[in-house]
Structures are given as structure tokens and as C-alpha cells.
Amino acid sequence: MPPRATPEQHPERPVLVVSGGRAGLGPLRADLVPVFQRWMNDPEIQAGTGRVGPVTLEDERAWYERVTTGPGRLTLVVYDLADLAPVGVTDLHEIDQRNGTAWFGIILGERRGQGLGTEATRLMLDWGFTALGLHNVMLQVFEWNRRALRAYERAGFRQIGRRRGAAVTHGRRHDVVLMDAVADEFTGSALAAGGGRPARP
């Protein structure tokens, strides 16, 4: 049997901190900044985030510096375990360790509609509840984004209210739906079971 390759022999192989059946999460990488920029200029992503206008490479580099050096935030890359391709980013921000709370966000730049976003959301909740000891994680999503609402509910979030007419997208005013997930209701932790399934060899 040939010797197992080391990470030094394959530096392009991403580091994964937790993984599930199809998706894995790993640290942010500076070499992916141009990929993040491409995602942020996708009209579907701009509609879902409320961002309007082009995102330059300089904009994205500045974002990368903020999220990798600022306090109270954890941002990870989402990978498809089938080929370890980066497909999105997800984060916990405004982390309040004293009260055990944070806000959640995710952008899936590629391979949407395949269940990767739902699993990545569960993995990030798992990290927040199990590794960080958080109790309540909250998010907001536009009411028209039915696919995102279903994915968040499958991942463990529940609707708790809405801000009526609080956002304008597609030239129309929409409600912003508020959802949260709590540690007491979260089941099936990959981390508690032993750190998550390792990346495929």
C-alpha cells in the first residue's frame, strides 16, 4: 500500500473543521477572495442579501480583512465534499459570549438547490452551540425567499416574527422574517459525536 499523502504534499486541499454527509466547513482563505467577489456580483445573491451595485475586488479584499481580524465573528468557507470545491461562505456574527447569542448568515455561491446550504447551516449551528457554547442564534430573511425559509426550517430554525415592509428588493417592499434556533432544541450534533466526519481521502 502506498504511503498516505501529507497535507504538505497537497497544499491545495482545504482544511475542514467540521463536516457532514455532503458539506464541510473550513477557515477563510485569501486565495478565494476573487471567487467571493464573483459570487457577490451574482444577481440572485444580491437580491437575497439586499446588496445593490457591483462589488469590486478591492471591496471584497476589504471585507476579507474585516472578517478575519474583527472581534465577535466567525466566518467559514462551505465546501462540497464530493470534490472539495468551495461553494459558499457562512458566518456567526455579533457573537455575545456573555449572553450566548449570535446572528447567522450564509451565502451559497454555487450548486444551490442541492441540500448543501441546509447541511452547512446545521454544521454552523453545531459549531455555535457545541464549540462556542451559544444558546440562541438568530437570522433574518426576506419573505419572498421561500427556498431559504424552507432550508432554514429544515436546519432547525423557527420563525419568531417579522418586520413588516422593512426591506425593498426587486423594486417592491417586503417583510423581513426573523428566525431563531436554540441549543436546547438542536439534535444530531456532529461535533458532540466526535468532531464531525473527516474529509474524504
C-alpha atoms as a PDB file:
ATOM      1  CA  MET A   1       0.000   0.000   0.000  1.00  0.00           C
ATOM      2  CA  PRO A   2       1.454   3.420  -0.934  1.00  0.00           C
ATOM      3  CA  PRO A   3       2.088   5.874   1.920  1.00  0.00           C
ATOM      4  CA  ARG A   4      -0.684   8.319   2.735  1.00  0.00           C
ATOM      5  CA  ALA A   5      -0.107  11.789   1.294  1.00  0.00           C
ATOM      6  CA  THR A   6       0.533  14.536   3.819  1.00  0.00           C
ATOM      7  CA  PRO A   7      -1.157  17.983   3.760  1.00  0.00           C
ATOM      8  CA  GLU A   8       2.218  19.482   2.766  1.00  0.00           C
ATOM      9  CA  GLN A   9       2.203  17.382  -0.406  1.00  0.00           C
ATOM     10  CA  HIS A  10      -1.269  18.679  -1.325  1.00  0.00           C
ATOM     11  CA  PRO A  11      -1.427  22.279  -0.077  1.00  0.00           C
ATOM     12  CA  GLU A  12      -4.488  22.975  -2.216  1.00  0.00           C
ATOM     13  CA  ARG A  13      -6.556  20.561  -0.130  1.00  0.00           C
ATOM     14  CA  PRO A  14      -8.763  22.625   2.164  1.00  0.00           C
ATOM     15  CA  VAL A  15      -8.703  22.272   5.924  1.00  0.00           C
ATOM     16  CA  LEU A  16     -12.111  21.269   7.286  1.00  0.00           C
ATOM     17  CA  VAL A  17     -13.092  21.995  10.883  1.00  0.00           C
ATOM     18  CA  VAL A  18     -16.385  20.081  10.723  1.00  0.00           C
ATOM     19  CA  SER A  19     -18.105  18.034   8.041  1.00  0.00           C
ATOM     20  CA  GLY A  20     -21.357  16.239   7.481  1.00  0.00           C
ATOM     21  CA  GLY A  21     -22.561  13.872   4.805  1.00  0.00           C
ATOM     22  CA  ARG A  22     -22.177  16.224   1.846  1.00  0.00           C
ATOM     23  CA  ALA A  23     -20.899  19.588   3.098  1.00  0.00           C
ATOM     24  CA  GLY A  24     -17.914  20.670   5.135  1.00  0.00           C
ATOM     25  CA  LEU A  25     -16.763  23.951   6.686  1.00  0.00           C
ATOM     26  CA  GLY A  26     -13.228  25.312   6.733  1.00  0.00           C
ATOM     27  CA  PRO A  27     -11.335  28.527   7.524  1.00  0.00           C
ATOM     28  CA  LEU A  28     -11.441  31.501   5.175  1.00  0.00           C
ATOM     29  CA  ARG A  29      -8.709  31.578   2.523  1.00  0.00           C
ATOM     30  CA  ALA A  30      -7.226  34.709   0.968  1.00  0.00           C
ATOM     31  CA  ASP A  31      -6.809  32.941  -2.391  1.00  0.00           C
ATOM     32  CA  LEU A  32     -10.615  32.616  -2.629  1.00  0.00           C
ATOM     33  CA  VAL A  33     -11.256  36.381  -2.491  1.00  0.00           C
ATOM     34  CA  PRO A  34     -11.744  36.579  -6.319  1.00  0.00           C
ATOM     35  CA  VAL A  35     -14.248  33.704  -6.047  1.00  0.00           C
ATOM     36  CA  PHE A  36     -16.121  35.533  -3.277  1.00  0.00           C
ATOM     37  CA  GLN A  37     -16.206  38.657  -5.474  1.00  0.00           C
ATOM     38  CA  ARG A  38     -17.745  36.675  -8.340  1.00  0.00           C
ATOM     39  CA  TRP A  39     -20.421  35.310  -6.021  1.00  0.00           C
ATOM     40  CA  MET A  40     -21.263  38.750  -4.647  1.00  0.00           C
ATOM     41  CA  ASN A  41     -21.907  40.043  -8.172  1.00  0.00           C
ATOM     42  CA  ASP A  42     -24.448  37.285  -8.857  1.00  0.00           C
ATOM     43  CA  PRO A  43     -27.879  38.978  -9.224  1.00  0.00           C
ATOM     44  CA  GLU A  44     -29.594  36.207  -7.232  1.00  0.00           C
ATOM     45  CA  ILE A  45     -27.200  36.661  -4.323  1.00  0.00           C
ATOM     46  CA  GLN A  46     -27.537  40.441  -4.448  1.00  0.00           C
ATOM     47  CA  ALA A  47     -31.320  40.104  -4.304  1.00  0.00           C
ATOM     48  CA  GLY A  48     -31.106  37.756  -1.320  1.00  0.00           C
ATOM     49  CA  THR A  49     -28.678  39.953   0.615  1.00  0.00           C
ATOM     50  CA  GLY A  50     -30.202  43.300  -0.300  1.00  0.00           C
ATOM     51  CA  ARG A  51     -26.925  44.464  -1.819  1.00  0.00           C
ATOM     52  CA  VAL A  52     -27.234  46.721  -4.873  1.00  0.00           C
ATOM     53  CA  GLY A  53     -24.438  47.525  -7.315  1.00  0.00           C
ATOM     54  CA  PRO A  54     -21.134  45.995  -8.404  1.00  0.00           C
ATOM     55  CA  VAL A  55     -18.669  44.582  -5.882  1.00  0.00           C
ATOM     56  CA  THR A  56     -15.040  45.241  -6.785  1.00  0.00           C
ATOM     57  CA  LEU A  57     -12.070  43.067  -5.923  1.00  0.00           C
ATOM     58  CA  GLU A  58     -10.941  45.842  -3.556  1.00  0.00           C
ATOM     59  CA  ASP A  59     -14.359  45.740  -1.844  1.00  0.00           C
ATOM     60  CA  GLU A  60     -14.018  42.024  -1.301  1.00  0.00           C
ATOM     61  CA  ARG A  61     -10.440  42.272  -0.050  1.00  0.00           C
ATOM     62  CA  ALA A  62     -11.563  44.887   2.478  1.00  0.00           C
ATOM     63  CA  TRP A  63     -14.406  42.564   3.574  1.00  0.00           C
ATOM     64  CA  TYR A  64     -11.909  39.715   3.982  1.00  0.00           C
ATOM     65  CA  GLU A  65      -9.679  41.877   6.201  1.00  0.00           C
ATOM     66  CA  ARG A  66     -12.642  42.939   8.350  1.00  0.00           C
ATOM     67  CA  VAL A  67     -14.000  39.451   8.961  1.00  0.00           C
ATOM     68  CA  THR A  68     -10.598  37.867   9.618  1.00  0.00           C
ATOM     69  CA  THR A  69      -9.388  40.491  12.080  1.00  0.00           C
ATOM     70  CA  GLY A  70     -12.531  41.883  13.714  1.00  0.00           C
ATOM     71  CA  PRO A  71     -13.875  40.556  17.030  1.00  0.00           C
ATOM     72  CA  GLY A  72     -17.177  38.773  17.610  1.00  0.00           C
ATOM     73  CA  ARG A  73     -17.322  36.992  14.275  1.00  0.00           C
ATOM     74  CA  LEU A  74     -16.581  33.550  12.825  1.00  0.00           C
ATOM     75  CA  THR A  75     -16.690  33.153   9.029  1.00  0.00           C
ATOM     76  CA  LEU A  76     -16.088  29.802   7.326  1.00  0.00           C
ATOM     77  CA  VAL A  77     -15.996  28.515   3.755  1.00  0.00           C
ATOM     78  CA  VAL A  78     -18.606  25.950   2.682  1.00  0.00           C
ATOM     79  CA  TYR A  79     -17.237  23.016   0.647  1.00  0.00           C
ATOM     80  CA  ASP A  80     -18.969  20.304  -1.367  1.00  0.00           C
ATOM     81  CA  LEU A  81     -17.392  17.085  -0.077  1.00  0.00           C
ATOM     82  CA  ALA A  82     -17.934  15.395  -3.446  1.00  0.00           C
ATOM     83  CA  ASP A  83     -14.919  17.241  -4.879  1.00  0.00           C
ATOM     84  CA  LEU A  84     -13.948  19.717  -2.106  1.00  0.00           C
ATOM     85  CA  ALA A  85     -14.990  22.652  -4.284  1.00  0.00           C
ATOM     86  CA  PRO A  86     -15.769  25.891  -2.385  1.00  0.00           C
ATOM     87  CA  VAL A  87     -19.449  26.687  -2.864  1.00  0.00           C
ATOM     88  CA  GLY A  88     -20.242  29.390  -0.298  1.00  0.00           C
ATOM     89  CA  VAL A  89     -19.478  31.148   2.970  1.00  0.00           C
ATOM     90  CA  THR A  90     -21.312  31.126   6.285  1.00  0.00           C
ATOM     91  CA  ASP A  91     -20.829  33.081   9.474  1.00  0.00           C
ATOM     92  CA  LEU A  92     -21.810  33.780  13.028  1.00  0.00           C
ATOM     93  CA  HIS A  93     -21.560  37.490  13.792  1.00  0.00           C
ATOM     94  CA  GLU A  94     -22.269  39.804  16.713  1.00  0.00           C
ATOM     95  CA  ILE A  95     -21.254  36.868  18.911  1.00  0.00           C
ATOM     96  CA  ASP A  96     -22.098  37.678  22.539  1.00  0.00           C
ATOM     97  CA  GLN A  97     -20.426  35.090  24.758  1.00  0.00           C
ATOM     98  CA  ARG A  98     -21.917  36.541  27.954  1.00  0.00           C
ATOM     99  CA  ASN A  99     -25.500  36.043  26.793  1.00  0.00           C
ATOM    100  CA  GLY A 100     -24.779  33.141  24.458  1.00  0.00           C
ATOM    101  CA  THR A 101     -26.232  34.766  21.344  1.00  0.00           C
ATOM    102  CA  ALA A 102     -25.201  35.434  17.747  1.00  0.00           C
ATOM    103  CA  TRP A 103     -26.584  36.244  14.298  1.00  0.00           C
ATOM    104  CA  PHE A 104     -26.279  33.751  11.436  1.00  0.00           C
ATOM    105  CA  GLY A 105     -25.624  34.334   7.751  1.00  0.00           C
ATOM    106  CA  ILE A 106     -24.905  32.194   4.701  1.00  0.00           C
ATOM    107  CA  ILE A 107     -24.261  32.801   1.011  1.00  0.00           C
ATOM    108  CA  LEU A 108     -24.244  29.827  -1.319  1.00  0.00           C
ATOM    109  CA  GLY A 109     -22.478  30.986  -4.465  1.00  0.00           C
ATOM    110  CA  GLU A 110     -22.742  27.748  -6.408  1.00  0.00           C
ATOM    111  CA  ARG A 111     -24.679  24.465  -6.504  1.00  0.00           C
ATOM    112  CA  ARG A 112     -27.806  25.897  -4.940  1.00  0.00           C
ATOM    113  CA  GLY A 113     -30.852  23.678  -4.554  1.00  0.00           C
ATOM    114  CA  GLN A 114     -28.818  20.538  -3.767  1.00  0.00           C
ATOM    115  CA  GLY A 115     -29.129  20.499   0.020  1.00  0.00           C
ATOM    116  CA  LEU A 116     -25.630  21.856   0.646  1.00  0.00           C
ATOM    117  CA  GLY A 117     -26.933  25.075   2.193  1.00  0.00           C
ATOM    118  CA  THR A 118     -29.172  23.227   4.633  1.00  0.00           C
ATOM    119  CA  GLU A 119     -26.360  20.980   5.797  1.00  0.00           C
ATOM    120  CA  ALA A 120     -23.891  23.871   6.036  1.00  0.00           C
ATOM    121  CA  THR A 121     -26.412  25.757   8.166  1.00  0.00           C
ATOM    122  CA  ARG A 122     -26.739  22.797  10.534  1.00  0.00           C
ATOM    123  CA  LEU A 123     -22.955  22.467  10.753  1.00  0.00           C
ATOM    124  CA  MET A 124     -22.575  26.151  11.634  1.00  0.00           C
ATOM    125  CA  LEU A 125     -25.305  25.881  14.262  1.00  0.00           C
ATOM    126  CA  ASP A 126     -23.498  22.826  15.615  1.00  0.00           C
ATOM    127  CA  TRP A 127     -20.274  24.847  15.858  1.00  0.00           C
ATOM    128  CA  GLY A 128     -22.067  27.700  17.578  1.00  0.00           C
ATOM    129  CA  PHE A 129     -23.886  25.534  20.114  1.00  0.00           C
ATOM    130  CA  THR A 130     -21.260  22.854  20.741  1.00  0.00           C
ATOM    131  CA  ALA A 131     -17.898  24.566  20.247  1.00  0.00           C
ATOM    132  CA  LEU A 132     -18.800  28.135  21.245  1.00  0.00           C
ATOM    133  CA  GLY A 133     -21.423  27.299  23.866  1.00  0.00           C
ATOM    134  CA  LEU A 134     -24.051  29.625  22.407  1.00  0.00           C
ATOM    135  CA  HIS A 135     -27.707  29.291  23.369  1.00  0.00           C
ATOM    136  CA  ASN A 136     -29.615  31.318  20.753  1.00  0.00           C
ATOM    137  CA  VAL A 137     -28.724  32.024  17.118  1.00  0.00           C
ATOM    138  CA  MET A 138     -30.894  34.381  15.072  1.00  0.00           C
ATOM    139  CA  LEU A 139     -31.222  35.269  11.382  1.00  0.00           C
ATOM    140  CA  GLN A 140     -33.322  37.423   9.104  1.00  0.00           C
ATOM    141  CA  VAL A 141     -34.512  36.568   5.594  1.00  0.00           C
ATOM    142  CA  PHE A 142     -36.790  38.260   3.056  1.00  0.00           C
ATOM    143  CA  GLU A 143     -40.310  36.847   2.976  1.00  0.00           C
ATOM    144  CA  TRP A 144     -40.177  36.136  -0.771  1.00  0.00           C
ATOM    145  CA  ASN A 145     -37.193  33.814  -0.384  1.00  0.00           C
ATOM    146  CA  ARG A 146     -39.225  30.645   0.085  1.00  0.00           C
ATOM    147  CA  ARG A 147     -36.304  28.332  -0.693  1.00  0.00           C
ATOM    148  CA  ALA A 148     -34.179  29.897   2.041  1.00  0.00           C
ATOM    149  CA  LEU A 149     -37.066  29.785   4.523  1.00  0.00           C
ATOM    150  CA  ARG A 150     -37.548  26.050   3.910  1.00  0.00           C
ATOM    151  CA  ALA A 151     -33.813  25.370   4.171  1.00  0.00           C
ATOM    152  CA  TYR A 152     -33.531  27.250   7.464  1.00  0.00           C
ATOM    153  CA  GLU A 153     -36.509  25.411   8.906  1.00  0.00           C
ATOM    154  CA  ARG A 154     -35.026  22.053   7.893  1.00  0.00           C
ATOM    155  CA  ALA A 155     -31.766  23.071   9.582  1.00  0.00           C
ATOM    156  CA  GLY A 156     -33.506  23.844  12.884  1.00  0.00           C
ATOM    157  CA  PHE A 157     -34.576  27.492  12.747  1.00  0.00           C
ATOM    158  CA  ARG A 158     -38.111  28.587  13.653  1.00  0.00           C
ATOM    159  CA  GLN A 159     -39.981  31.730  12.657  1.00  0.00           C
ATOM    160  CA  ILE A 160     -40.427  34.077  15.605  1.00  0.00           C
ATOM    161  CA  GLY A 161     -41.771  37.210  13.932  1.00  0.00           C
ATOM    162  CA  ARG A 162     -41.291  39.697  11.148  1.00  0.00           C
ATOM    163  CA  ARG A 163     -40.550  43.342  10.454  1.00  0.00           C
ATOM    164  CA  ARG A 164     -43.341  44.483   8.179  1.00  0.00           C
ATOM    165  CA  GLY A 165     -42.266  46.177   4.969  1.00  0.00           C
ATOM    166  CA  ALA A 166     -38.716  46.577   6.263  1.00  0.00           C
ATOM    167  CA  ALA A 167     -36.877  45.827   3.000  1.00  0.00           C
ATOM    168  CA  VAL A 168     -37.093  46.727  -0.681  1.00  0.00           C
ATOM    169  CA  THR A 169     -35.996  44.085  -3.191  1.00  0.00           C
ATOM    170  CA  HIS A 170     -36.966  43.591  -6.812  1.00  0.00           C
ATOM    171  CA  GLY A 171     -38.398  47.106  -6.675  1.00  0.00           C
ATOM    172  CA  ARG A 172     -41.051  46.125  -4.121  1.00  0.00           C
ATOM    173  CA  ARG A 173     -41.346  46.397  -0.356  1.00  0.00           C
ATOM    174  CA  HIS A 174     -41.261  43.122   1.581  1.00  0.00           C
ATOM    175  CA  ASP A 175     -41.431  41.866   5.147  1.00  0.00           C
ATOM    176  CA  VAL A 176     -38.255  40.653   6.815  1.00  0.00           C
ATOM    177  CA  VAL A 177     -38.806  37.310   8.546  1.00  0.00           C
ATOM    178  CA  LEU A 178     -36.988  36.760  11.853  1.00  0.00           C
ATOM    179  CA  MET A 179     -35.989  33.213  12.814  1.00  0.00           C
ATOM    180  CA  ASP A 180     -34.009  31.691  15.648  1.00  0.00           C
ATOM    181  CA  ALA A 181     -32.579  28.376  16.769  1.00  0.00           C
ATOM    182  CA  VAL A 182     -31.803  27.380  20.347  1.00  0.00           C
ATOM    183  CA  ALA A 183     -29.319  24.886  21.734  1.00  0.00           C
ATOM    184  CA  ASP A 184     -31.997  23.039  23.747  1.00  0.00           C
ATOM    185  CA  GLU A 185     -33.772  22.026  20.524  1.00  0.00           C
ATOM    186  CA  PHE A 186     -30.710  21.185  18.422  1.00  0.00           C
ATOM    187  CA  THR A 187     -30.182  17.456  17.841  1.00  0.00           C
ATOM    188  CA  GLY A 188     -27.768  15.300  15.889  1.00  0.00           C
ATOM    189  CA  SER A 189     -24.573  17.191  16.703  1.00  0.00           C
ATOM    190  CA  ALA A 190     -21.641  16.022  14.550  1.00  0.00           C
ATOM    191  CA  LEU A 191     -19.169  17.676  16.914  1.00  0.00           C
ATOM    192  CA  ALA A 192     -20.594  16.080  20.051  1.00  0.00           C
ATOM    193  CA  ALA A 193     -20.434  12.724  18.297  1.00  0.00           C
ATOM    194  CA  GLY A 194     -16.704  13.070  17.736  1.00  0.00           C
ATOM    195  CA  GLY A 195     -15.770  16.151  15.728  1.00  0.00           C
ATOM    196  CA  GLY A 196     -17.764  15.543  12.613  1.00  0.00           C
ATOM    197  CA  ARG A 197     -16.997  13.144   9.799  1.00  0.00           C
ATOM    198  CA  PRO A 198     -13.494  13.752   8.427  1.00  0.00           C
ATOM    199  CA  ALA A 199     -12.966  14.855   4.853  1.00  0.00           C
ATOM    200  CA  ARG A 200     -12.858  12.114   2.242  1.00  0.00           C
ATOM    201  CA  PRO A 201      -9.370  10.815   1.402  1.00  0.00           C
END
